Structure formats: structure tokens, C-alpha cells
Amino acid sequence: MTTQHGGAVGRRVFRDLDAPDDASAIPETVRAEAEDIAAAADHSREIAARREAERDTDPVRELCINELATALSRSPEAVEALLIVARGAAFEESRRRAAMKLANHQRSLDALGAALRSEELILIAEASRLSPIAAKCAEALNRHLDELAAKGDTAALQFVKEKHSEPRIRALAAARLSPG
């Protein structure tokens, strides 16, 4: 097999396909070229990730989320708006930031738990991607296990069983998942 590179004829490369697949069967030039290609691909992925992060950290979106977070104490609409951002924002960091703002406002978490809005609490936990926040969301539901069981909300009970910080509450949630 002859390869042409920039008008010049390259040297022939032979490989025994029946030979064991080890590093000695690959010529050094081929290995070096493969490493260069892999390094270039890694560099391209890093650049793409940086560009995505730059698009995701838009100051206007960050300002909107921060302003909504400051209104959490005085406006139930701010809770709903941050839930919408956490659920539907096109950018992952915006979803995460909105979820964390909600998670850091204990009164909002307690209100969501009292209203049995388990889907929203699970959404906050998933969007934040942090296990302490998942535990806080599970704790917001722990006083309402009987109501969740009566409602048939197995997703919420499973969430409390997996994410709550106290083994006793996890066991109570597991017992309500499998009555008997």
C-alpha cells in the first residue's frame, strides 16, 4: 500500500492481521500520527466546551435569575418563574443556577413540599446535580409521606427513599412504597 502525502510517495506500511494486537505491531509513524489526531480532537472538544460555557454564562440570563431569586420571599410568582427556568431553559447552567437559587430558599422548598409538588422538588434536585440539594428536596417531602402514599406518588416516595439524609426517613419511605 503506497500513500501520497503532499505529492511525495510515502513508504509502504505492512501489518500482519493475524499478529497479536499490541503496540509493537503498529509502526511508530502511524502511532505518532494517531496520537496527533487524538490530541487535535481533544483540543477541539475543549474549545467547543469553552464556547458552550461562554454562551451559557450570559450576564443577562444571570441577572434575570438573580433578580428572581431576590424576589422569592415576597413573590410566589418568582418561585414559579424559577421553576420554569429550571425546567425549560435551553442552557444547562441556567437551569442549574435557577434550581440552586430555589434550593437555597428554604421557605420555597417547604411550600412546595406542603403542596405535594414532588415533581418540582425532584426537578430542582436533578437540575442542580448536587446530592446535598437532593437531600434538602427530599427533606421537604418527609413530613408528607402518608399523603404522598395516599396520592400514589411512588416517584416521590422513591426519591425520598434514595436521597434523604436520615436512614429512618428512608426506611419510612420504603415502607410506604411496599405496603403490607
N, C-alpha and C. Protein backbone atom coordinates (compact mmCIF):
# COMPACT_ATOMS: atom_id res chain seq x y z
N MET A 1 0.85 -1.16 0.00
CA MET A 1 0.00 0.00 0.00
C MET A 1 0.90 1.23 0.00
N THR A 2 0.71 2.10 -0.94
CA THR A 2 1.52 3.29 -1.05
C THR A 2 0.63 4.48 -0.78
N THR A 3 1.12 5.41 0.04
CA THR A 3 0.33 6.60 0.34
C THR A 3 1.06 7.81 -0.20
N GLN A 4 0.29 8.78 -0.65
CA GLN A 4 0.88 10.01 -1.13
C GLN A 4 0.58 11.10 -0.12
N HIS A 5 1.58 11.85 0.21
CA HIS A 5 1.44 12.92 1.17
C HIS A 5 2.09 14.16 0.58
N GLY A 6 1.29 15.15 0.20
CA GLY A 6 1.85 16.40 -0.33
C GLY A 6 2.66 16.18 -1.60
N GLY A 7 2.27 15.24 -2.44
CA GLY A 7 2.96 15.00 -3.70
C GLY A 7 4.08 14.00 -3.60
N ALA A 8 4.53 13.69 -2.44
CA ALA A 8 5.61 12.71 -2.29
C ALA A 8 5.01 11.34 -1.97
N VAL A 9 5.71 10.32 -2.38
CA VAL A 9 5.25 8.96 -2.12
C VAL A 9 5.79 8.53 -0.76
N GLY A 10 4.86 8.10 0.11
CA GLY A 10 5.26 7.65 1.44
C GLY A 10 5.80 6.24 1.38
N ARG A 11 6.37 5.77 2.47
CA ARG A 11 6.89 4.41 2.47
C ARG A 11 5.75 3.43 2.69
N ARG A 12 5.99 2.21 2.31
CA ARG A 12 4.95 1.19 2.43
C ARG A 12 4.80 0.78 3.90
N VAL A 13 3.51 0.57 4.29
CA VAL A 13 3.23 0.15 5.64
C VAL A 13 2.51 -1.19 5.56
N PHE A 14 3.10 -2.22 6.18
CA PHE A 14 2.51 -3.54 6.19
C PHE A 14 2.16 -3.91 7.61
N ARG A 15 1.09 -4.65 7.74
CA ARG A 15 0.71 -5.11 9.06
C ARG A 15 0.18 -6.52 8.95
N ASP A 16 0.63 -7.37 9.85
CA ASP A 16 0.16 -8.75 9.89
C ASP A 16 -1.15 -8.77 10.68
N LEU A 17 -2.27 -9.03 9.99
CA LEU A 17 -3.56 -9.01 10.65
C LEU A 17 -3.74 -10.18 11.61
N ASP A 18 -2.96 -11.24 11.47
CA ASP A 18 -3.06 -12.38 12.37
C ASP A 18 -2.18 -12.22 13.61
N ALA A 19 -1.34 -11.20 13.62
CA ALA A 19 -0.44 -10.99 14.75
C ALA A 19 -1.25 -10.47 15.94
N PRO A 20 -0.75 -10.70 17.15
CA PRO A 20 -1.45 -10.16 18.32
C PRO A 20 -1.52 -8.64 18.25
N ASP A 21 -2.59 -8.11 18.78
CA ASP A 21 -2.83 -6.66 18.72
C ASP A 21 -2.08 -5.96 19.85
N ASP A 22 -0.82 -5.68 19.63
CA ASP A 22 -0.03 -4.99 20.64
C ASP A 22 0.67 -3.81 19.99
N ALA A 23 1.31 -3.02 20.79
CA ALA A 23 1.94 -1.79 20.32
C ALA A 23 3.06 -2.05 19.32
N SER A 24 3.73 -3.19 19.42
CA SER A 24 4.86 -3.45 18.53
C SER A 24 4.40 -3.70 17.09
N ALA A 25 3.14 -4.04 16.88
CA ALA A 25 2.64 -4.31 15.54
C ALA A 25 2.31 -3.02 14.80
N ILE A 26 2.28 -1.90 15.49
CA ILE A 26 1.93 -0.62 14.87
C ILE A 26 3.21 0.18 14.68
N PRO A 27 3.50 0.58 13.45
CA PRO A 27 4.70 1.38 13.20
C PRO A 27 4.65 2.70 13.98
N GLU A 28 5.82 3.17 14.37
CA GLU A 28 5.93 4.37 15.19
C GLU A 28 5.33 5.59 14.50
N THR A 29 5.50 5.71 13.20
CA THR A 29 4.95 6.88 12.48
C THR A 29 3.42 6.88 12.53
N VAL A 30 2.83 5.70 12.41
CA VAL A 30 1.37 5.60 12.45
C VAL A 30 0.88 5.93 13.86
N ARG A 31 1.56 5.41 14.86
CA ARG A 31 1.18 5.67 16.24
C ARG A 31 1.29 7.16 16.55
N ALA A 32 2.36 7.80 16.09
CA ALA A 32 2.54 9.23 16.34
C ALA A 32 1.44 10.05 15.66
N GLU A 33 1.10 9.66 14.43
CA GLU A 33 0.03 10.38 13.73
C GLU A 33 -1.31 10.19 14.42
N ALA A 34 -1.58 8.98 14.91
CA ALA A 34 -2.83 8.73 15.63
C ALA A 34 -2.89 9.54 16.93
N GLU A 35 -1.77 9.65 17.61
CA GLU A 35 -1.72 10.45 18.84
C GLU A 35 -1.94 11.93 18.52
N ASP A 36 -1.37 12.41 17.40
CA ASP A 36 -1.59 13.79 17.00
C ASP A 36 -3.06 14.05 16.68
N ILE A 37 -3.70 13.11 16.01
CA ILE A 37 -5.12 13.25 15.68
C ILE A 37 -5.95 13.26 16.96
N ALA A 38 -5.63 12.38 17.90
CA ALA A 38 -6.36 12.33 19.17
C ALA A 38 -6.18 13.62 19.95
N ALA A 39 -4.96 14.16 19.95
CA ALA A 39 -4.70 15.41 20.66
C ALA A 39 -5.47 16.57 20.02
N ALA A 40 -5.51 16.58 18.70
CA ALA A 40 -6.26 17.64 18.00
C ALA A 40 -7.75 17.52 18.29
N ALA A 41 -8.26 16.31 18.35
CA ALA A 41 -9.68 16.10 18.66
C ALA A 41 -9.99 16.55 20.08
N ASP A 42 -9.10 16.23 21.03
CA ASP A 42 -9.29 16.68 22.42
C ASP A 42 -9.29 18.20 22.49
N HIS A 43 -8.37 18.82 21.78
CA HIS A 43 -8.29 20.28 21.77
C HIS A 43 -9.58 20.89 21.19
N SER A 44 -10.09 20.30 20.12
CA SER A 44 -11.34 20.79 19.52
C SER A 44 -12.51 20.65 20.48
N ARG A 45 -12.57 19.53 21.22
CA ARG A 45 -13.64 19.34 22.20
C ARG A 45 -13.54 20.36 23.33
N GLU A 46 -12.31 20.66 23.77
CA GLU A 46 -12.13 21.67 24.83
C GLU A 46 -12.60 23.04 24.36
N ILE A 47 -12.27 23.39 23.13
CA ILE A 47 -12.69 24.68 22.58
C ILE A 47 -14.21 24.74 22.49
N ALA A 48 -14.83 23.66 22.02
CA ALA A 48 -16.29 23.63 21.93
C ALA A 48 -16.93 23.73 23.31
N ALA A 49 -16.37 23.08 24.30
CA ALA A 49 -16.91 23.15 25.67
C ALA A 49 -16.78 24.56 26.23
N ARG A 50 -15.64 25.22 25.95
CA ARG A 50 -15.46 26.60 26.40
C ARG A 50 -16.47 27.54 25.75
N ARG A 51 -16.69 27.35 24.44
CA ARG A 51 -17.67 28.19 23.74
C ARG A 51 -19.06 27.99 24.31
N GLU A 52 -19.42 26.73 24.58
CA GLU A 52 -20.72 26.43 25.16
C GLU A 52 -20.85 27.07 26.54
N ALA A 53 -19.80 27.00 27.33
CA ALA A 53 -19.84 27.61 28.67
C ALA A 53 -19.97 29.13 28.56
N GLU A 54 -19.30 29.73 27.59
CA GLU A 54 -19.41 31.18 27.40
C GLU A 54 -20.82 31.57 27.00
N ARG A 55 -21.46 30.78 26.13
CA ARG A 55 -22.84 31.06 25.74
C ARG A 55 -23.77 30.86 26.93
N ASP A 56 -23.44 29.88 27.76
CA ASP A 56 -24.30 29.53 28.89
C ASP A 56 -24.21 30.53 30.02
N THR A 57 -23.13 31.26 30.15
CA THR A 57 -22.99 32.21 31.24
C THR A 57 -23.27 33.63 30.76
N ASP A 58 -24.38 33.78 30.09
CA ASP A 58 -24.79 35.09 29.61
C ASP A 58 -25.16 35.99 30.79
N PRO A 59 -24.60 37.19 30.86
CA PRO A 59 -24.87 38.07 32.01
C PRO A 59 -26.34 38.47 32.13
N VAL A 60 -27.05 38.55 31.03
CA VAL A 60 -28.47 38.93 31.09
C VAL A 60 -29.28 37.82 31.74
N ARG A 61 -29.04 36.57 31.34
CA ARG A 61 -29.75 35.45 31.97
C ARG A 61 -29.40 35.36 33.45
N GLU A 62 -28.12 35.56 33.77
CA GLU A 62 -27.69 35.51 35.16
C GLU A 62 -28.36 36.61 35.98
N LEU A 63 -28.47 37.80 35.42
CA LEU A 63 -29.14 38.91 36.10
C LEU A 63 -30.61 38.58 36.34
N CYS A 64 -31.28 38.02 35.34
CA CYS A 64 -32.70 37.66 35.49
C CYS A 64 -32.89 36.64 36.61
N ILE A 65 -32.04 35.63 36.63
CA ILE A 65 -32.15 34.59 37.66
C ILE A 65 -31.87 35.19 39.04
N ASN A 66 -30.87 36.04 39.15
CA ASN A 66 -30.56 36.68 40.43
C ASN A 66 -31.69 37.58 40.90
N GLU A 67 -32.30 38.33 39.99
CA GLU A 67 -33.42 39.20 40.36
C GLU A 67 -34.63 38.38 40.81
N LEU A 68 -34.90 37.28 40.12
CA LEU A 68 -35.99 36.41 40.55
C LEU A 68 -35.70 35.82 41.93
N ALA A 69 -34.45 35.48 42.17
CA ALA A 69 -34.08 34.90 43.47
C ALA A 69 -34.28 35.91 44.60
N THR A 70 -34.00 37.18 44.34
CA THR A 70 -34.20 38.19 45.39
C THR A 70 -35.69 38.41 45.66
N ALA A 71 -36.54 38.09 44.71
CA ALA A 71 -37.98 38.27 44.88
C ALA A 71 -38.67 37.05 45.47
N LEU A 72 -37.93 35.98 45.75
CA LEU A 72 -38.54 34.75 46.25
C LEU A 72 -39.34 34.96 47.53
N SER A 73 -38.85 35.76 48.43
CA SER A 73 -39.51 35.95 49.73
C SER A 73 -40.83 36.69 49.61
N ARG A 74 -40.96 37.55 48.64
CA ARG A 74 -42.16 38.38 48.56
C ARG A 74 -43.07 38.07 47.39
N SER A 75 -42.67 37.11 46.55
CA SER A 75 -43.48 36.86 45.35
C SER A 75 -43.55 35.37 45.01
N PRO A 76 -44.74 34.78 45.13
CA PRO A 76 -44.88 33.38 44.73
C PRO A 76 -44.65 33.19 43.22
N GLU A 77 -44.86 34.25 42.45
CA GLU A 77 -44.62 34.18 41.01
C GLU A 77 -43.14 33.97 40.70
N ALA A 78 -42.28 34.48 41.58
CA ALA A 78 -40.84 34.29 41.38
C ALA A 78 -40.47 32.81 41.50
N VAL A 79 -41.13 32.11 42.42
CA VAL A 79 -40.90 30.66 42.55
C VAL A 79 -41.30 29.97 41.26
N GLU A 80 -42.47 30.32 40.75
CA GLU A 80 -42.95 29.71 39.50
C GLU A 80 -42.02 30.04 38.34
N ALA A 81 -41.55 31.27 38.27
CA ALA A 81 -40.65 31.67 37.18
C ALA A 81 -39.33 30.90 37.25
N LEU A 82 -38.77 30.76 38.45
CA LEU A 82 -37.52 29.99 38.58
C LEU A 82 -37.74 28.52 38.27
N LEU A 83 -38.92 28.00 38.61
CA LEU A 83 -39.23 26.61 38.24
C LEU A 83 -39.29 26.45 36.72
N ILE A 84 -39.84 27.44 36.05
CA ILE A 84 -39.91 27.40 34.58
C ILE A 84 -38.49 27.41 34.00
N VAL A 85 -37.62 28.25 34.55
CA VAL A 85 -36.24 28.29 34.07
C VAL A 85 -35.55 26.96 34.35
N ALA A 86 -35.73 26.42 35.55
CA ALA A 86 -35.09 25.15 35.91
C ALA A 86 -35.59 24.01 35.02
N ARG A 87 -36.82 24.09 34.59
CA ARG A 87 -37.39 23.03 33.75
C ARG A 87 -37.06 23.22 32.28
N GLY A 88 -37.12 24.44 31.79
CA GLY A 88 -37.11 24.60 30.35
C GLY A 88 -36.01 25.44 29.74
N ALA A 89 -35.07 25.91 30.52
CA ALA A 89 -34.02 26.75 29.93
C ALA A 89 -33.20 25.94 28.93
N ALA A 90 -32.81 26.60 27.88
CA ALA A 90 -32.03 25.94 26.84
C ALA A 90 -30.60 25.65 27.29
N PHE A 91 -30.14 26.37 28.29
CA PHE A 91 -28.76 26.22 28.73
C PHE A 91 -28.71 25.54 30.08
N GLU A 92 -27.87 24.54 30.19
CA GLU A 92 -27.77 23.73 31.40
C GLU A 92 -27.38 24.55 32.61
N GLU A 93 -26.46 25.46 32.45
CA GLU A 93 -26.00 26.25 33.61
C GLU A 93 -27.11 27.16 34.10
N SER A 94 -27.96 27.66 33.22
CA SER A 94 -29.10 28.48 33.64
C SER A 94 -30.09 27.64 34.43
N ARG A 95 -30.37 26.42 33.96
CA ARG A 95 -31.26 25.52 34.70
C ARG A 95 -30.68 25.23 36.09
N ARG A 96 -29.39 24.95 36.12
CA ARG A 96 -28.72 24.62 37.38
C ARG A 96 -28.75 25.80 38.34
N ARG A 97 -28.47 26.98 37.83
CA ARG A 97 -28.44 28.18 38.68
C ARG A 97 -29.83 28.47 39.25
N ALA A 98 -30.87 28.35 38.43
CA ALA A 98 -32.24 28.57 38.91
C ALA A 98 -32.61 27.55 39.98
N ALA A 99 -32.24 26.30 39.76
CA ALA A 99 -32.54 25.25 40.75
C ALA A 99 -31.82 25.52 42.06
N MET A 100 -30.59 25.96 41.99
CA MET A 100 -29.83 26.23 43.21
C MET A 100 -30.40 27.43 43.97
N LYS A 101 -30.88 28.43 43.26
CA LYS A 101 -31.50 29.58 43.92
C LYS A 101 -32.75 29.12 44.68
N LEU A 102 -33.55 28.25 44.06
CA LEU A 102 -34.72 27.72 44.74
C LEU A 102 -34.33 26.87 45.94
N ALA A 103 -33.33 26.04 45.76
CA ALA A 103 -32.91 25.13 46.84
C ALA A 103 -32.36 25.89 48.03
N ASN A 104 -31.80 27.05 47.81
CA ASN A 104 -31.25 27.84 48.90
C ASN A 104 -32.30 28.72 49.59
N HIS A 105 -33.54 28.61 49.15
CA HIS A 105 -34.63 29.36 49.79
C HIS A 105 -35.54 28.33 50.46
N GLN A 106 -35.27 28.07 51.73
CA GLN A 106 -35.94 27.00 52.46
C GLN A 106 -37.46 27.18 52.50
N ARG A 107 -37.93 28.40 52.60
CA ARG A 107 -39.37 28.62 52.64
C ARG A 107 -40.05 28.15 51.35
N SER A 108 -39.39 28.35 50.23
CA SER A 108 -39.94 27.88 48.95
C SER A 108 -39.97 26.36 48.90
N LEU A 109 -38.89 25.74 49.36
CA LEU A 109 -38.86 24.27 49.39
C LEU A 109 -39.96 23.72 50.29
N ASP A 110 -40.13 24.32 51.46
CA ASP A 110 -41.17 23.86 52.38
C ASP A 110 -42.56 24.04 51.78
N ALA A 111 -42.78 25.16 51.08
CA ALA A 111 -44.08 25.40 50.45
C ALA A 111 -44.35 24.38 49.34
N LEU A 112 -43.34 24.07 48.57
CA LEU A 112 -43.51 23.05 47.52
C LEU A 112 -43.80 21.68 48.13
N GLY A 113 -43.12 21.36 49.22
CA GLY A 113 -43.36 20.10 49.90
C GLY A 113 -44.76 20.03 50.48
N ALA A 114 -45.21 21.11 51.13
CA ALA A 114 -46.55 21.15 51.72
C ALA A 114 -47.64 21.04 50.65
N ALA A 115 -47.36 21.57 49.47
CA ALA A 115 -48.31 21.49 48.36
C ALA A 115 -48.21 20.15 47.61
N LEU A 116 -47.35 19.27 48.10
CA LEU A 116 -47.11 17.96 47.49
C LEU A 116 -46.67 18.08 46.03
N ARG A 117 -45.88 19.09 45.74
CA ARG A 117 -45.36 19.31 44.39
C ARG A 117 -44.03 18.58 44.25
N SER A 118 -44.12 17.28 44.33
CA SER A 118 -42.92 16.44 44.32
C SER A 118 -42.18 16.51 42.99
N GLU A 119 -42.90 16.62 41.89
CA GLU A 119 -42.24 16.70 40.59
C GLU A 119 -41.28 17.89 40.54
N GLU A 120 -41.72 19.01 41.08
CA GLU A 120 -40.89 20.22 41.07
C GLU A 120 -39.67 20.05 41.99
N LEU A 121 -39.87 19.42 43.14
CA LEU A 121 -38.74 19.20 44.04
C LEU A 121 -37.73 18.24 43.43
N ILE A 122 -38.22 17.22 42.75
CA ILE A 122 -37.31 16.28 42.06
C ILE A 122 -36.58 17.02 40.93
N LEU A 123 -37.31 17.88 40.23
CA LEU A 123 -36.70 18.68 39.15
C LEU A 123 -35.57 19.56 39.70
N ILE A 124 -35.80 20.20 40.83
CA ILE A 124 -34.77 21.05 41.44
C ILE A 124 -33.54 20.21 41.76
N ALA A 125 -33.76 19.03 42.34
CA ALA A 125 -32.64 18.16 42.70
C ALA A 125 -31.86 17.73 41.46
N GLU A 126 -32.57 17.34 40.41
CA GLU A 126 -31.89 16.87 39.19
C GLU A 126 -31.17 18.00 38.48
N ALA A 127 -31.80 19.16 38.40
CA ALA A 127 -31.19 20.29 37.68
C ALA A 127 -29.94 20.80 38.41
N SER A 128 -29.93 20.73 39.74
CA SER A 128 -28.77 21.22 40.49
C SER A 128 -27.58 20.29 40.38
N ARG A 129 -27.83 19.00 40.19
CA ARG A 129 -26.79 17.96 40.09
C ARG A 129 -25.94 17.87 41.35
N LEU A 130 -26.50 18.24 42.50
CA LEU A 130 -25.77 18.18 43.76
C LEU A 130 -26.54 17.32 44.76
N SER A 131 -25.85 16.37 45.37
CA SER A 131 -26.53 15.48 46.32
C SER A 131 -27.00 16.20 47.58
N PRO A 132 -26.32 17.23 48.11
CA PRO A 132 -26.89 17.93 49.27
C PRO A 132 -28.22 18.62 48.95
N ILE A 133 -28.35 19.12 47.74
CA ILE A 133 -29.61 19.76 47.36
C ILE A 133 -30.69 18.70 47.18
N ALA A 134 -30.33 17.54 46.64
CA ALA A 134 -31.30 16.45 46.54
C ALA A 134 -31.79 16.04 47.92
N ALA A 135 -30.88 16.02 48.89
CA ALA A 135 -31.27 15.68 50.27
C ALA A 135 -32.21 16.75 50.84
N LYS A 136 -31.94 18.03 50.57
CA LYS A 136 -32.82 19.10 51.04
C LYS A 136 -34.21 18.98 50.43
N CYS A 137 -34.27 18.63 49.16
CA CYS A 137 -35.57 18.47 48.49
C CYS A 137 -36.32 17.26 49.07
N ALA A 138 -35.60 16.20 49.35
CA ALA A 138 -36.22 15.03 49.96
C ALA A 138 -36.72 15.36 51.37
N GLU A 139 -35.97 16.18 52.09
CA GLU A 139 -36.39 16.59 53.43
C GLU A 139 -37.65 17.44 53.39
N ALA A 140 -37.85 18.19 52.31
CA ALA A 140 -39.07 18.99 52.18
C ALA A 140 -40.30 18.11 52.02
N LEU A 141 -40.10 16.88 51.60
CA LEU A 141 -41.22 15.94 51.42
C LEU A 141 -41.42 15.01 52.61
N ASN A 142 -40.46 14.92 53.52
CA ASN A 142 -40.51 13.86 54.53
C ASN A 142 -41.68 13.98 55.51
N ARG A 143 -42.23 15.18 55.72
CA ARG A 143 -43.38 15.32 56.63
C ARG A 143 -44.68 14.93 55.95
N HIS A 144 -44.62 14.60 54.69
CA HIS A 144 -45.84 14.35 53.91
C HIS A 144 -45.85 12.95 53.29
N LEU A 145 -45.14 12.02 53.89
CA LEU A 145 -45.04 10.67 53.33
C LEU A 145 -46.40 9.98 53.25
N ASP A 146 -47.21 10.14 54.29
CA ASP A 146 -48.54 9.50 54.27
C ASP A 146 -49.41 10.06 53.15
N GLU A 147 -49.37 11.37 52.97
CA GLU A 147 -50.16 11.99 51.90
C GLU A 147 -49.66 11.56 50.52
N LEU A 148 -48.34 11.46 50.37
CA LEU A 148 -47.77 11.01 49.10
C LEU A 148 -48.17 9.57 48.81
N ALA A 149 -48.17 8.73 49.85
CA ALA A 149 -48.57 7.33 49.67
C ALA A 149 -50.05 7.25 49.32
N ALA A 150 -50.89 8.05 49.98
CA ALA A 150 -52.33 8.04 49.68
C ALA A 150 -52.59 8.53 48.25
N LYS A 151 -51.79 9.47 47.83
CA LYS A 151 -51.91 10.02 46.46
C LYS A 151 -51.36 9.03 45.42
N GLY A 152 -50.57 8.06 45.88
CA GLY A 152 -49.96 7.09 44.95
C GLY A 152 -48.74 7.63 44.24
N ASP A 153 -48.07 8.57 44.84
CA ASP A 153 -46.89 9.20 44.24
C ASP A 153 -45.64 8.35 44.54
N THR A 154 -45.48 7.28 43.79
CA THR A 154 -44.35 6.38 44.02
C THR A 154 -43.02 7.03 43.65
N ALA A 155 -43.04 7.93 42.67
CA ALA A 155 -41.79 8.61 42.29
C ALA A 155 -41.26 9.44 43.46
N ALA A 156 -42.16 10.13 44.16
CA ALA A 156 -41.73 10.95 45.29
C ALA A 156 -41.24 10.07 46.44
N LEU A 157 -41.95 8.98 46.71
CA LEU A 157 -41.53 8.08 47.77
C LEU A 157 -40.17 7.45 47.45
N GLN A 158 -39.98 7.08 46.21
CA GLN A 158 -38.70 6.51 45.78
C GLN A 158 -37.58 7.54 45.92
N PHE A 159 -37.90 8.78 45.55
CA PHE A 159 -36.93 9.87 45.67
C PHE A 159 -36.50 10.06 47.13
N VAL A 160 -37.48 10.10 48.04
CA VAL A 160 -37.16 10.26 49.47
C VAL A 160 -36.37 9.06 49.96
N LYS A 161 -36.74 7.88 49.51
CA LYS A 161 -36.04 6.66 49.92
C LYS A 161 -34.56 6.69 49.50
N GLU A 162 -34.29 7.24 48.33
CA GLU A 162 -32.92 7.25 47.80
C GLU A 162 -32.10 8.46 48.26
N LYS A 163 -32.74 9.61 48.46
CA LYS A 163 -31.98 10.86 48.63
C LYS A 163 -31.99 11.44 50.03
N HIS A 164 -32.90 11.01 50.88
CA HIS A 164 -32.98 11.62 52.21
C HIS A 164 -31.73 11.31 53.01
N SER A 165 -31.33 12.25 53.86
CA SER A 165 -30.09 12.08 54.62
C SER A 165 -30.24 11.16 55.83
N GLU A 166 -31.45 10.97 56.33
CA GLU A 166 -31.65 10.13 57.52
C GLU A 166 -32.12 8.73 57.15
N PRO A 167 -31.44 7.70 57.65
CA PRO A 167 -31.85 6.32 57.35
C PRO A 167 -33.26 6.00 57.83
N ARG A 168 -33.67 6.60 58.96
CA ARG A 168 -35.01 6.33 59.48
C ARG A 168 -36.09 6.80 58.51
N ILE A 169 -35.91 7.97 57.93
CA ILE A 169 -36.89 8.50 56.97
C ILE A 169 -36.84 7.69 55.68
N ARG A 170 -35.65 7.29 55.26
CA ARG A 170 -35.55 6.43 54.06
C ARG A 170 -36.31 5.14 54.27
N ALA A 171 -36.22 4.57 55.46
CA ALA A 171 -36.94 3.33 55.76
C ALA A 171 -38.45 3.55 55.78
N LEU A 172 -38.91 4.71 56.31
CA LEU A 172 -40.33 5.02 56.28
C LEU A 172 -40.85 5.15 54.86
N ALA A 173 -40.08 5.79 54.01
CA ALA A 173 -40.48 5.94 52.60
C ALA A 173 -40.53 4.58 51.92
N ALA A 174 -39.55 3.72 52.22
CA ALA A 174 -39.53 2.38 51.64
C ALA A 174 -40.74 1.57 52.10
N ALA A 175 -41.12 1.73 53.38
CA ALA A 175 -42.29 1.01 53.90
C ALA A 175 -43.56 1.46 53.21
N ARG A 176 -43.66 2.73 52.86
CA ARG A 176 -44.86 3.23 52.18
C ARG A 176 -44.86 2.86 50.69
N LEU A 177 -43.70 2.55 50.17
CA LEU A 177 -43.63 2.07 48.79
C LEU A 177 -44.17 0.66 48.66
N SER A 178 -43.91 -0.16 49.66
CA SER A 178 -44.37 -1.55 49.62
C SER A 178 -45.22 -1.84 50.84
N PRO A 179 -46.49 -1.39 50.82
CA PRO A 179 -47.34 -1.63 51.98
C PRO A 179 -47.63 -3.12 52.13
N GLY A 180 -47.72 -3.53 53.35
CA GLY A 180 -48.03 -4.95 53.51
C GLY A 180 -47.66 -5.49 54.77
